[in-house]
PDB file of N, CA and C in Angstrom:
ATOM      1  N   MET A   1       1.336 224.073 -53.069  1.00  0.00           N
ATOM      2  CA  MET A   1       1.045 222.999 -52.223  1.00  0.00           C
ATOM      3  C   MET A   1      -0.116 223.210 -51.334  1.00  0.00           C
ATOM      4  N   ILE A   2      -1.089 222.202 -51.317  1.00  0.00           N
ATOM      5  CA  ILE A   2      -2.199 222.498 -50.483  1.00  0.00           C
ATOM      6  C   ILE A   2      -2.079 221.564 -49.248  1.00  0.00           C
ATOM      7  N   ARG A   3      -2.402 222.175 -48.110  1.00  0.00           N
ATOM      8  CA  ARG A   3      -2.382 221.378 -46.929  1.00  0.00           C
ATOM      9  C   ARG A   3      -3.747 220.915 -46.539  1.00  0.00           C
ATOM     10  N   ILE A   4      -4.063 219.767 -46.157  1.00  0.00           N
ATOM     11  CA  ILE A   4      -5.282 219.180 -45.834  1.00  0.00           C
ATOM     12  C   ILE A   4      -5.234 218.572 -44.404  1.00  0.00           C
ATOM     13  N   VAL A   5      -6.242 218.862 -43.530  1.00  0.00           N
ATOM     14  CA  VAL A   5      -6.300 218.412 -42.204  1.00  0.00           C
ATOM     15  C   VAL A   5      -7.476 217.457 -42.331  1.00  0.00           C
ATOM     16  N   LEU A   6      -7.224 216.210 -41.944  1.00  0.00           N
ATOM     17  CA  LEU A   6      -8.259 215.211 -41.945  1.00  0.00           C
ATOM     18  C   LEU A   6      -8.705 214.951 -40.534  1.00  0.00           C
ATOM     19  N   PRO A   7      -9.952 214.376 -40.300  1.00  0.00           N
ATOM     20  CA  PRO A   7     -10.400 213.989 -38.938  1.00  0.00           C
ATOM     21  C   PRO A   7      -9.550 212.746 -38.613  1.00  0.00           C
ATOM     22  N   GLN A   8      -9.552 212.443 -37.250  1.00  0.00           N
ATOM     23  CA  GLN A   8      -8.735 211.305 -36.805  1.00  0.00           C
ATOM     24  C   GLN A   8      -9.006 209.978 -37.340  1.00  0.00           C
ATOM     25  N   HIS A   9     -10.348 209.630 -37.646  1.00  0.00           N
ATOM     26  CA  HIS A   9     -10.704 208.387 -38.042  1.00  0.00           C
ATOM     27  C   HIS A   9     -10.114 208.241 -39.575  1.00  0.00           C
ATOM     28  N   LEU A  10     -10.197 209.273 -40.320  1.00  0.00           N
ATOM     29  CA  LEU A  10      -9.560 209.166 -41.729  1.00  0.00           C
ATOM     30  C   LEU A  10      -8.092 209.225 -41.722  1.00  0.00           C
ATOM     31  N   ARG A  11      -7.435 210.004 -40.774  1.00  0.00           N
ATOM     32  CA  ARG A  11      -5.911 209.782 -40.673  1.00  0.00           C
ATOM     33  C   ARG A  11      -5.580 208.326 -40.306  1.00  0.00           C
ATOM     34  N   THR A  12      -6.325 207.564 -39.353  1.00  0.00           N
ATOM     35  CA  THR A  12      -6.070 206.315 -38.999  1.00  0.00           C
ATOM     36  C   THR A  12      -6.242 205.438 -40.099  1.00  0.00           C
ATOM     37  N   LEU A  13      -7.287 205.500 -40.890  1.00  0.00           N
ATOM     38  CA  LEU A  13      -7.458 204.787 -42.093  1.00  0.00           C
ATOM     39  C   LEU A  13      -6.358 204.787 -43.199  1.00  0.00           C
ATOM     40  N   ALA A  14      -5.915 206.071 -43.222  1.00  0.00           N
ATOM     41  CA  ALA A  14      -4.875 206.356 -44.312  1.00  0.00           C
ATOM     42  C   ALA A  14      -3.571 206.129 -43.798  1.00  0.00           C
ATOM     43  N   HIS A  15      -3.312 205.862 -42.547  1.00  0.00           N
ATOM     44  CA  HIS A  15      -2.017 205.550 -41.829  1.00  0.00           C
ATOM     45  C   HIS A  15      -1.072 206.790 -41.874  1.00  0.00           C
ATOM     46  N   ILE A  16      -1.702 207.933 -41.606  1.00  0.00           N
ATOM     47  CA  ILE A  16      -1.029 209.137 -41.474  1.00  0.00           C
ATOM     48  C   ILE A  16      -1.185 209.760 -39.981  1.00  0.00           C
ATOM     49  N   THR A  17      -0.240 210.554 -39.655  1.00  0.00           N
ATOM     50  CA  THR A  17      -0.368 211.128 -38.230  1.00  0.00           C
ATOM     51  C   THR A  17      -0.487 212.642 -38.217  1.00  0.00           C
ATOM     52  N   SER A  18      -0.291 213.246 -39.278  1.00  0.00           N
ATOM     53  CA  SER A  18      -0.471 214.657 -39.303  1.00  0.00           C
ATOM     54  C   SER A  18      -1.207 215.055 -40.651  1.00  0.00           C
ATOM     55  N   GLU A  19      -1.241 216.409 -40.991  1.00  0.00           N
ATOM     56  CA  GLU A  19      -1.834 216.911 -42.171  1.00  0.00           C
ATOM     57  C   GLU A  19      -1.146 216.373 -43.331  1.00  0.00           C
ATOM     58  N   VAL A  20      -1.915 216.317 -44.495  1.00  0.00           N
ATOM     59  CA  VAL A  20      -1.613 215.877 -45.818  1.00  0.00           C
ATOM     60  C   VAL A  20      -1.137 217.068 -46.662  1.00  0.00           C
ATOM     61  N   GLN A  21      -0.168 216.923 -47.466  1.00  0.00           N
ATOM     62  CA  GLN A  21       0.293 218.060 -48.379  1.00  0.00           C
ATOM     63  C   GLN A  21       0.263 217.457 -49.723  1.00  0.00           C
ATOM     64  N   LEU A  22      -0.579 218.170 -50.649  1.00  0.00           N
ATOM     65  CA  LEU A  22      -0.678 217.744 -52.054  1.00  0.00           C
ATOM     66  C   LEU A  22      -0.174 218.870 -52.989  1.00  0.00           C
ATOM     67  N   ASN A  23       0.486 218.417 -53.944  1.00  0.00           N
ATOM     68  CA  ASN A  23       0.843 219.384 -54.992  1.00  0.00           C
ATOM     69  C   ASN A  23      -0.159 219.475 -56.069  1.00  0.00           C
ATOM     70  N   VAL A  24      -0.806 220.544 -56.227  1.00  0.00           N
ATOM     71  CA  VAL A  24      -1.826 220.698 -57.171  1.00  0.00           C
ATOM     72  C   VAL A  24      -1.528 221.818 -58.164  1.00  0.00           C
ATOM     73  N   GLU A  25      -1.418 221.638 -59.444  1.00  0.00           N
ATOM     74  CA  GLU A  25      -1.179 222.657 -60.288  1.00  0.00           C
ATOM     75  C   GLU A  25      -2.422 223.486 -60.562  1.00  0.00           C
ATOM     76  N   GLY A  26      -2.173 224.819 -60.730  1.00  0.00           N
ATOM     77  CA  GLY A  26      -3.381 225.648 -60.869  1.00  0.00           C
ATOM     78  C   GLY A  26      -4.253 225.778 -59.761  1.00  0.00           C
ATOM     79  N   PRO A  27      -5.416 226.572 -59.757  1.00  0.00           N
ATOM     80  CA  PRO A  27      -6.369 226.768 -58.948  1.00  0.00           C
ATOM     81  C   PRO A  27      -7.063 225.422 -58.512  1.00  0.00           C
ATOM     82  N   ALA A  28      -7.117 225.183 -57.170  1.00  0.00           N
ATOM     83  CA  ALA A  28      -7.731 223.855 -56.791  1.00  0.00           C
ATOM     84  C   ALA A  28      -9.262 223.958 -56.400  1.00  0.00           C
ATOM     85  N   THR A  29     -10.004 222.962 -56.815  1.00  0.00           N
ATOM     86  CA  THR A  29     -11.376 222.912 -56.521  1.00  0.00           C
ATOM     87  C   THR A  29     -11.536 221.795 -55.571  1.00  0.00           C
ATOM     88  N   LEU A  30     -12.694 221.640 -54.946  1.00  0.00           N
ATOM     89  CA  LEU A  30     -12.992 220.436 -54.005  1.00  0.00           C
ATOM     90  C   LEU A  30     -12.871 219.154 -54.846  1.00  0.00           C
ATOM     91  N   GLN A  31     -13.282 219.098 -56.107  1.00  0.00           N
ATOM     92  CA  GLN A  31     -13.229 217.891 -56.980  1.00  0.00           C
ATOM     93  C   GLN A  31     -11.615 217.514 -57.029  1.00  0.00           C
ATOM     94  N   ILE A  32     -10.786 218.448 -57.255  1.00  0.00           N
ATOM     95  CA  ILE A  32      -9.425 218.252 -57.556  1.00  0.00           C
ATOM     96  C   ILE A  32      -8.835 217.650 -56.193  1.00  0.00           C
ATOM     97  N   ILE A  33      -9.083 218.237 -55.061  1.00  0.00           N
ATOM     98  CA  ILE A  33      -8.561 217.895 -53.891  1.00  0.00           C
ATOM     99  C   ILE A  33      -8.966 216.432 -53.633  1.00  0.00           C
ATOM    100  N   PHE A  34     -10.287 216.048 -53.745  1.00  0.00           N
ATOM    101  CA  PHE A  34     -10.708 214.691 -53.415  1.00  0.00           C
ATOM    102  C   PHE A  34     -10.130 213.709 -54.453  1.00  0.00           C
ATOM    103  N   ASP A  35     -10.119 214.033 -55.624  1.00  0.00           N
ATOM    104  CA  ASP A  35      -9.418 213.179 -56.547  1.00  0.00           C
ATOM    105  C   ASP A  35      -7.886 212.834 -56.247  1.00  0.00           C
ATOM    106  N   GLU A  36      -7.212 213.906 -55.879  1.00  0.00           N
ATOM    107  CA  GLU A  36      -5.727 213.715 -55.490  1.00  0.00           C
ATOM    108  C   GLU A  36      -5.762 212.951 -54.184  1.00  0.00           C
ATOM    109  N   LEU A  37      -6.522 213.158 -53.252  1.00  0.00           N
ATOM    110  CA  LEU A  37      -6.436 212.451 -51.909  1.00  0.00           C
ATOM    111  C   LEU A  37      -6.698 211.072 -52.262  1.00  0.00           C
ATOM    112  N   GLU A  38      -7.741 210.587 -53.071  1.00  0.00           N
ATOM    113  CA  GLU A  38      -8.038 209.199 -53.416  1.00  0.00           C
ATOM    114  C   GLU A  38      -6.938 208.592 -54.212  1.00  0.00           C
ATOM    115  N   ILE A  39      -6.097 209.381 -54.975  1.00  0.00           N
ATOM    116  CA  ILE A  39      -4.949 208.837 -55.824  1.00  0.00           C
ATOM    117  C   ILE A  39      -3.903 208.487 -54.827  1.00  0.00           C
ATOM    118  N   HIS A  40      -3.599 209.394 -53.872  1.00  0.00           N
ATOM    119  CA  HIS A  40      -2.484 209.151 -52.954  1.00  0.00           C
ATOM    120  C   HIS A  40      -2.904 208.224 -51.758  1.00  0.00           C
ATOM    121  N   PHE A  41      -4.112 208.204 -51.447  1.00  0.00           N
ATOM    122  CA  PHE A  41      -4.564 207.401 -50.396  1.00  0.00           C
ATOM    123  C   PHE A  41      -5.773 206.596 -50.768  1.00  0.00           C
ATOM    124  N   PRO A  42      -5.681 205.570 -51.534  1.00  0.00           N
ATOM    125  CA  PRO A  42      -6.733 204.864 -52.209  1.00  0.00           C
ATOM    126  C   PRO A  42      -7.699 204.131 -51.126  1.00  0.00           C
ATOM    127  N   MET A  43      -7.238 204.090 -49.835  1.00  0.00           N
ATOM    128  CA  MET A  43      -8.113 203.641 -48.853  1.00  0.00           C
ATOM    129  C   MET A  43      -9.146 204.655 -48.378  1.00  0.00           C
ATOM    130  N   LEU A  44      -9.016 205.737 -48.714  1.00  0.00           N
ATOM    131  CA  LEU A  44     -10.017 206.833 -48.593  1.00  0.00           C
ATOM    132  C   LEU A  44     -11.118 206.883 -49.590  1.00  0.00           C
ATOM    133  N   LYS A  45     -11.081 206.142 -50.620  1.00  0.00           N
ATOM    134  CA  LYS A  45     -12.173 206.131 -51.518  1.00  0.00           C
ATOM    135  C   LYS A  45     -13.423 205.795 -50.958  1.00  0.00           C
ATOM    136  N   GLY A  46     -14.425 206.626 -51.168  1.00  0.00           N
ATOM    137  CA  GLY A  46     -15.805 206.377 -50.695  1.00  0.00           C
ATOM    138  C   GLY A  46     -15.980 206.849 -49.215  1.00  0.00           C
ATOM    139  N   THR A  47     -14.885 207.266 -48.603  1.00  0.00           N
ATOM    140  CA  THR A  47     -15.076 207.798 -47.184  1.00  0.00           C
ATOM    141  C   THR A  47     -15.410 209.270 -47.078  1.00  0.00           C
ATOM    142  N   ILE A  48     -15.089 210.106 -48.103  1.00  0.00           N
ATOM    143  CA  ILE A  48     -15.266 211.456 -48.122  1.00  0.00           C
ATOM    144  C   ILE A  48     -16.524 211.745 -48.943  1.00  0.00           C
ATOM    145  N   ARG A  49     -16.644 211.067 -50.082  1.00  0.00           N
ATOM    146  CA  ARG A  49     -17.669 211.318 -50.929  1.00  0.00           C
ATOM    147  C   ARG A  49     -18.223 209.859 -51.463  1.00  0.00           C
ATOM    148  N   ASP A  50     -19.531 209.695 -51.644  1.00  0.00           N
ATOM    149  CA  ASP A  50     -20.047 208.461 -52.166  1.00  0.00           C
ATOM    150  C   ASP A  50     -19.502 208.086 -53.415  1.00  0.00           C
ATOM    151  N   HIS A  51     -19.285 206.652 -53.657  1.00  0.00           N
ATOM    152  CA  HIS A  51     -18.684 206.137 -54.844  1.00  0.00           C
ATOM    153  C   HIS A  51     -19.603 206.409 -55.988  1.00  0.00           C
ATOM    154  N   VAL A  52     -20.822 206.280 -55.898  1.00  0.00           N
ATOM    155  CA  VAL A  52     -21.707 206.382 -57.037  1.00  0.00           C
ATOM    156  C   VAL A  52     -22.184 207.878 -57.343  1.00  0.00           C
ATOM    157  N   THR A  53     -22.813 208.587 -56.237  1.00  0.00           N
ATOM    158  CA  THR A  53     -23.328 209.896 -56.496  1.00  0.00           C
ATOM    159  C   THR A  53     -22.239 211.004 -56.321  1.00  0.00           C
ATOM    160  N   GLN A  54     -21.192 210.754 -55.712  1.00  0.00           N
ATOM    161  CA  GLN A  54     -20.064 211.735 -55.503  1.00  0.00           C
ATOM    162  C   GLN A  54     -20.365 212.815 -54.598  1.00  0.00           C
ATOM    163  N   GLN A  55     -21.506 212.442 -53.843  1.00  0.00           N
ATOM    164  CA  GLN A  55     -21.989 213.510 -52.820  1.00  0.00           C
ATOM    165  C   GLN A  55     -21.246 213.321 -51.640  1.00  0.00           C
ATOM    166  N   ARG A  56     -21.030 214.489 -50.786  1.00  0.00           N
ATOM    167  CA  ARG A  56     -20.364 214.480 -49.513  1.00  0.00           C
ATOM    168  C   ARG A  56     -21.066 213.538 -48.595  1.00  0.00           C
ATOM    169  N   ARG A  57     -20.238 212.832 -47.819  1.00  0.00           N
ATOM    170  CA  ARG A  57     -20.761 211.841 -46.821  1.00  0.00           C
ATOM    171  C   ARG A  57     -21.259 212.652 -45.724  1.00  0.00           C
ATOM    172  N   PRO A  58     -22.434 212.042 -45.155  1.00  0.00           N
ATOM    173  CA  PRO A  58     -22.964 212.652 -44.004  1.00  0.00           C
ATOM    174  C   PRO A  58     -21.877 212.662 -42.778  1.00  0.00           C
ATOM    175  N   TYR A  59     -21.976 213.661 -42.062  1.00  0.00           N
ATOM    176  CA  TYR A  59     -21.267 213.855 -40.871  1.00  0.00           C
ATOM    177  C   TYR A  59     -19.794 214.290 -41.211  1.00  0.00           C
ATOM    178  N   LEU A  60     -19.593 214.790 -42.371  1.00  0.00           N
ATOM    179  CA  LEU A  60     -18.328 215.500 -42.687  1.00  0.00           C
ATOM    180  C   LEU A  60     -18.605 216.912 -43.171  1.00  0.00           C
ATOM    181  N   ARG A  61     -17.809 217.795 -42.734  1.00  0.00           N
ATOM    182  CA  ARG A  61     -17.847 219.188 -43.112  1.00  0.00           C
ATOM    183  C   ARG A  61     -16.480 219.673 -43.702  1.00  0.00           C
ATOM    184  N   PHE A  62     -16.617 220.602 -44.662  1.00  0.00           N
ATOM    185  CA  PHE A  62     -15.362 221.110 -45.265  1.00  0.00           C
ATOM    186  C   PHE A  62     -15.231 222.657 -44.917  1.00  0.00           C
ATOM    187  N   PHE A  63     -14.084 222.961 -44.519  1.00  0.00           N
ATOM    188  CA  PHE A  63     -13.739 224.286 -44.121  1.00  0.00           C
ATOM    189  C   PHE A  63     -12.563 224.938 -44.870  1.00  0.00           C
ATOM    190  N   ALA A  64     -12.574 226.071 -45.313  1.00  0.00           N
ATOM    191  CA  ALA A  64     -11.579 226.805 -45.893  1.00  0.00           C
ATOM    192  C   ALA A  64     -11.468 228.235 -45.372  1.00  0.00           C
ATOM    193  N   CYS A  65     -10.386 228.690 -44.779  1.00  0.00           N
ATOM    194  CA  CYS A  65     -10.248 230.002 -44.208  1.00  0.00           C
ATOM    195  C   CYS A  65     -11.257 230.259 -43.165  1.00  0.00           C
ATOM    196  N   GLY A  66     -11.680 229.289 -42.404  1.00  0.00           N
ATOM    197  CA  GLY A  66     -12.692 229.460 -41.285  1.00  0.00           C
ATOM    198  C   GLY A  66     -14.107 229.463 -41.797  1.00  0.00           C
ATOM    199  N   LYS A  67     -14.345 229.284 -43.040  1.00  0.00           N
ATOM    200  CA  LYS A  67     -15.728 229.260 -43.723  1.00  0.00           C
ATOM    201  C   LYS A  67     -16.075 227.875 -44.073  1.00  0.00           C
ATOM    202  N   ASP A  68     -17.381 227.657 -43.667  1.00  0.00           N
ATOM    203  CA  ASP A  68     -17.980 226.228 -43.981  1.00  0.00           C
ATOM    204  C   ASP A  68     -18.244 226.393 -45.418  1.00  0.00           C
ATOM    205  N   ILE A  69     -17.641 225.350 -46.186  1.00  0.00           N
ATOM    206  CA  ILE A  69     -17.934 225.280 -47.603  1.00  0.00           C
ATOM    207  C   ILE A  69     -18.474 223.969 -47.940  1.00  0.00           C
ATOM    208  N   SER A  70     -19.078 223.304 -47.033  1.00  0.00           N
ATOM    209  CA  SER A  70     -19.587 221.851 -47.208  1.00  0.00           C
ATOM    210  C   SER A  70     -20.715 221.769 -48.221  1.00  0.00           C
ATOM    211  N   HIS A  71     -21.467 222.884 -48.421  1.00  0.00           N
ATOM    212  CA  HIS A  71     -22.550 222.761 -49.536  1.00  0.00           C
ATOM    213  C   HIS A  71     -22.189 223.542 -50.792  1.00  0.00           C
ATOM    214  N   GLU A  72     -21.012 223.815 -50.853  1.00  0.00           N
ATOM    215  CA  GLU A  72     -20.553 224.338 -52.271  1.00  0.00           C
ATOM    216  C   GLU A  72     -20.479 223.312 -53.214  1.00  0.00           C
ATOM    217  N   PRO A  73     -20.615 223.636 -54.389  1.00  0.00           N
ATOM    218  CA  PRO A  73     -20.495 222.599 -55.539  1.00  0.00           C
ATOM    219  C   PRO A  73     -18.913 222.084 -55.612  1.00  0.00           C
ATOM    220  N   PHE A  74     -18.750 220.932 -56.119  1.00  0.00           N
ATOM    221  CA  PHE A  74     -17.371 220.428 -56.151  1.00  0.00           C
ATOM    222  C   PHE A  74     -16.584 221.282 -57.185  1.00  0.00           C
ATOM    223  N   ASP A  75     -17.091 222.112 -57.973  1.00  0.00           N
ATOM    224  CA  ASP A  75     -16.169 222.857 -58.853  1.00  0.00           C
ATOM    225  C   ASP A  75     -15.789 224.238 -58.344  1.00  0.00           C
ATOM    226  N   PHE A  76     -16.199 224.328 -56.976  1.00  0.00           N
ATOM    227  CA  PHE A  76     -15.862 225.572 -56.164  1.00  0.00           C
ATOM    228  C   PHE A  76     -14.467 225.832 -56.074  1.00  0.00           C
ATOM    229  N   LEU A  77     -13.960 227.047 -56.432  1.00  0.00           N
ATOM    230  CA  LEU A  77     -12.541 227.329 -56.395  1.00  0.00           C
ATOM    231  C   LEU A  77     -12.188 227.643 -54.942  1.00  0.00           C
ATOM    232  N   LEU A  78     -11.189 227.115 -54.405  1.00  0.00           N
ATOM    233  CA  LEU A  78     -10.650 227.252 -53.039  1.00  0.00           C
ATOM    234  C   LEU A  78     -10.021 228.633 -53.004  1.00  0.00           C
ATOM    235  N   PRO A  79     -10.020 229.328 -51.754  1.00  0.00           N
ATOM    236  CA  PRO A  79      -9.459 230.685 -51.734  1.00  0.00           C
ATOM    237  C   PRO A  79      -7.906 230.476 -51.967  1.00  0.00           C
ATOM    238  N   GLU A  80      -7.346 231.656 -52.241  1.00  0.00           N
ATOM    239  CA  GLU A  80      -5.856 231.698 -52.639  1.00  0.00           C
ATOM    240  C   GLU A  80      -4.994 231.265 -51.382  1.00  0.00           C
ATOM    241  N   GLU A  81      -5.554 231.585 -50.256  1.00  0.00           N
ATOM    242  CA  GLU A  81      -4.795 231.171 -49.025  1.00  0.00           C
ATOM    243  C   GLU A  81      -4.642 229.721 -48.851  1.00  0.00           C
ATOM    244  N   VAL A  82      -5.652 229.048 -49.265  1.00  0.00           N
ATOM    245  CA  VAL A  82      -5.578 227.549 -49.346  1.00  0.00           C
ATOM    246  C   VAL A  82      -4.624 227.035 -50.410  1.00  0.00           C
ATOM    247  N   ASN A  83      -4.859 227.555 -51.598  1.00  0.00           N
ATOM    248  CA  ASN A  83      -4.082 227.198 -52.802  1.00  0.00           C
ATOM    249  C   ASN A  83      -2.566 227.416 -52.488  1.00  0.00           C
ATOM    250  N   SER A  84      -2.234 228.508 -51.786  1.00  0.00           N
ATOM    251  CA  SER A  84      -0.844 228.761 -51.567  1.00  0.00           C
ATOM    252  C   SER A  84      -0.124 227.911 -50.443  1.00  0.00           C
ATOM    253  N   GLY A  85      -1.103 227.231 -49.613  1.00  0.00           N
ATOM    254  CA  GLY A  85      -0.575 226.503 -48.443  1.00  0.00           C
ATOM    255  C   GLY A  85      -0.492 227.354 -47.238  1.00  0.00           C
ATOM    256  N   GLU A  86      -0.922 228.609 -47.287  1.00  0.00           N
ATOM    257  CA  GLU A  86      -0.836 229.535 -46.126  1.00  0.00           C
ATOM    258  C   GLU A  86      -1.856 229.015 -45.101  1.00  0.00           C
ATOM    259  N   LYS A  87      -2.996 228.609 -45.494  1.00  0.00           N
ATOM    260  CA  LYS A  87      -3.924 228.008 -44.621  1.00  0.00           C
ATOM    261  C   LYS A  87      -4.515 226.741 -45.048  1.00  0.00           C
ATOM    262  N   PRO A  88      -4.791 225.768 -44.172  1.00  0.00           N
ATOM    263  CA  PRO A  88      -5.209 224.434 -44.502  1.00  0.00           C
ATOM    264  C   PRO A  88      -6.755 224.338 -44.971  1.00  0.00           C
ATOM    265  N   PHE A  89      -6.870 223.385 -45.866  1.00  0.00           N
ATOM    266  CA  PHE A  89      -8.366 222.950 -46.120  1.00  0.00           C
ATOM    267  C   PHE A  89      -8.625 221.859 -45.082  1.00  0.00           C
ATOM    268  N   MET A  90      -9.680 222.093 -44.333  1.00  0.00           N
ATOM    269  CA  MET A  90     -10.063 221.134 -43.249  1.00  0.00           C
ATOM    270  C   MET A  90     -11.312 220.261 -43.639  1.00  0.00           C
ATOM    271  N   ILE A  91     -11.175 219.060 -43.301  1.00  0.00           N
ATOM    272  CA  ILE A  91     -12.284 218.149 -43.282  1.00  0.00           C
ATOM    273  C   ILE A  91     -12.537 217.761 -41.962  1.00  0.00           C
ATOM    274  N   ILE A  92     -13.761 218.061 -41.337  1.00  0.00           N
ATOM    275  CA  ILE A  92     -14.061 217.848 -40.024  1.00  0.00           C
ATOM    276  C   ILE A  92     -15.167 216.798 -39.821  1.00  0.00           C
ATOM    277  N   GLY A  93     -14.949 215.997 -38.834  1.00  0.00           N
ATOM    278  CA  GLY A  93     -16.002 214.927 -38.646  1.00  0.00           C
ATOM    279  C   GLY A  93     -17.155 215.687 -37.639  1.00  0.00           C
ATOM    280  N   ALA A  94     -18.374 215.798 -38.322  1.00  0.00           N
ATOM    281  CA  ALA A  94     -19.456 216.519 -37.641  1.00  0.00           C
ATOM    282  C   ALA A  94     -20.157 215.497 -36.735  1.00  0.00           C
ATOM    283  N   ILE A  95     -20.727 215.970 -35.692  1.00  0.00           N
ATOM    284  CA  ILE A  95     -21.377 215.097 -34.716  1.00  0.00           C
ATOM    285  C   ILE A  95     -22.921 215.566 -34.606  1.00  0.00           C
ATOM    286  N   ALA A  96     -23.711 214.669 -34.843  1.00  0.00           N
ATOM    287  CA  ALA A  96     -25.193 214.942 -34.636  1.00  0.00           C
ATOM    288  C   ALA A  96     -25.676 214.777 -33.243  1.00  0.00           C
ATOM    289  N   GLY A  97     -26.680 215.425 -32.906  1.00  0.00           N
ATOM    290  CA  GLY A  97     -27.340 215.219 -31.549  1.00  0.00           C
ATOM    291  C   GLY A  97     -27.761 216.632 -31.068  1.00  0.00           C
ATOM    292  N   GLY A  98     -28.224 216.646 -29.862  1.00  0.00           N
ATOM    293  CA  GLY A  98     -28.801 217.932 -29.324  1.00  0.00           C
ATOM    294  C   GLY A  98     -28.271 218.369 -28.055  1.00  0.00           C
TER     295      GLY A  98
END
């Protein structure tokens, strides 16, 4: 089971109040997580990644085990601590500015 923490605006859109738990067989990648999120929460389609290019949306960052993995390819294997549910995969709303 993979635990996913979403930013408040995506939790509101998906009508959830806490972290999401997804059952994923085998080692998870970013692609698998996003596919599963969009299957279970279709209202999130296009909010995390672009519909056409599948690129990460601006102002969103991805973290696993305290490490920023926002620029990793979508076939990046998540750490075992995330795969086992010990630590959450986090999607954070980034803020631009100075």
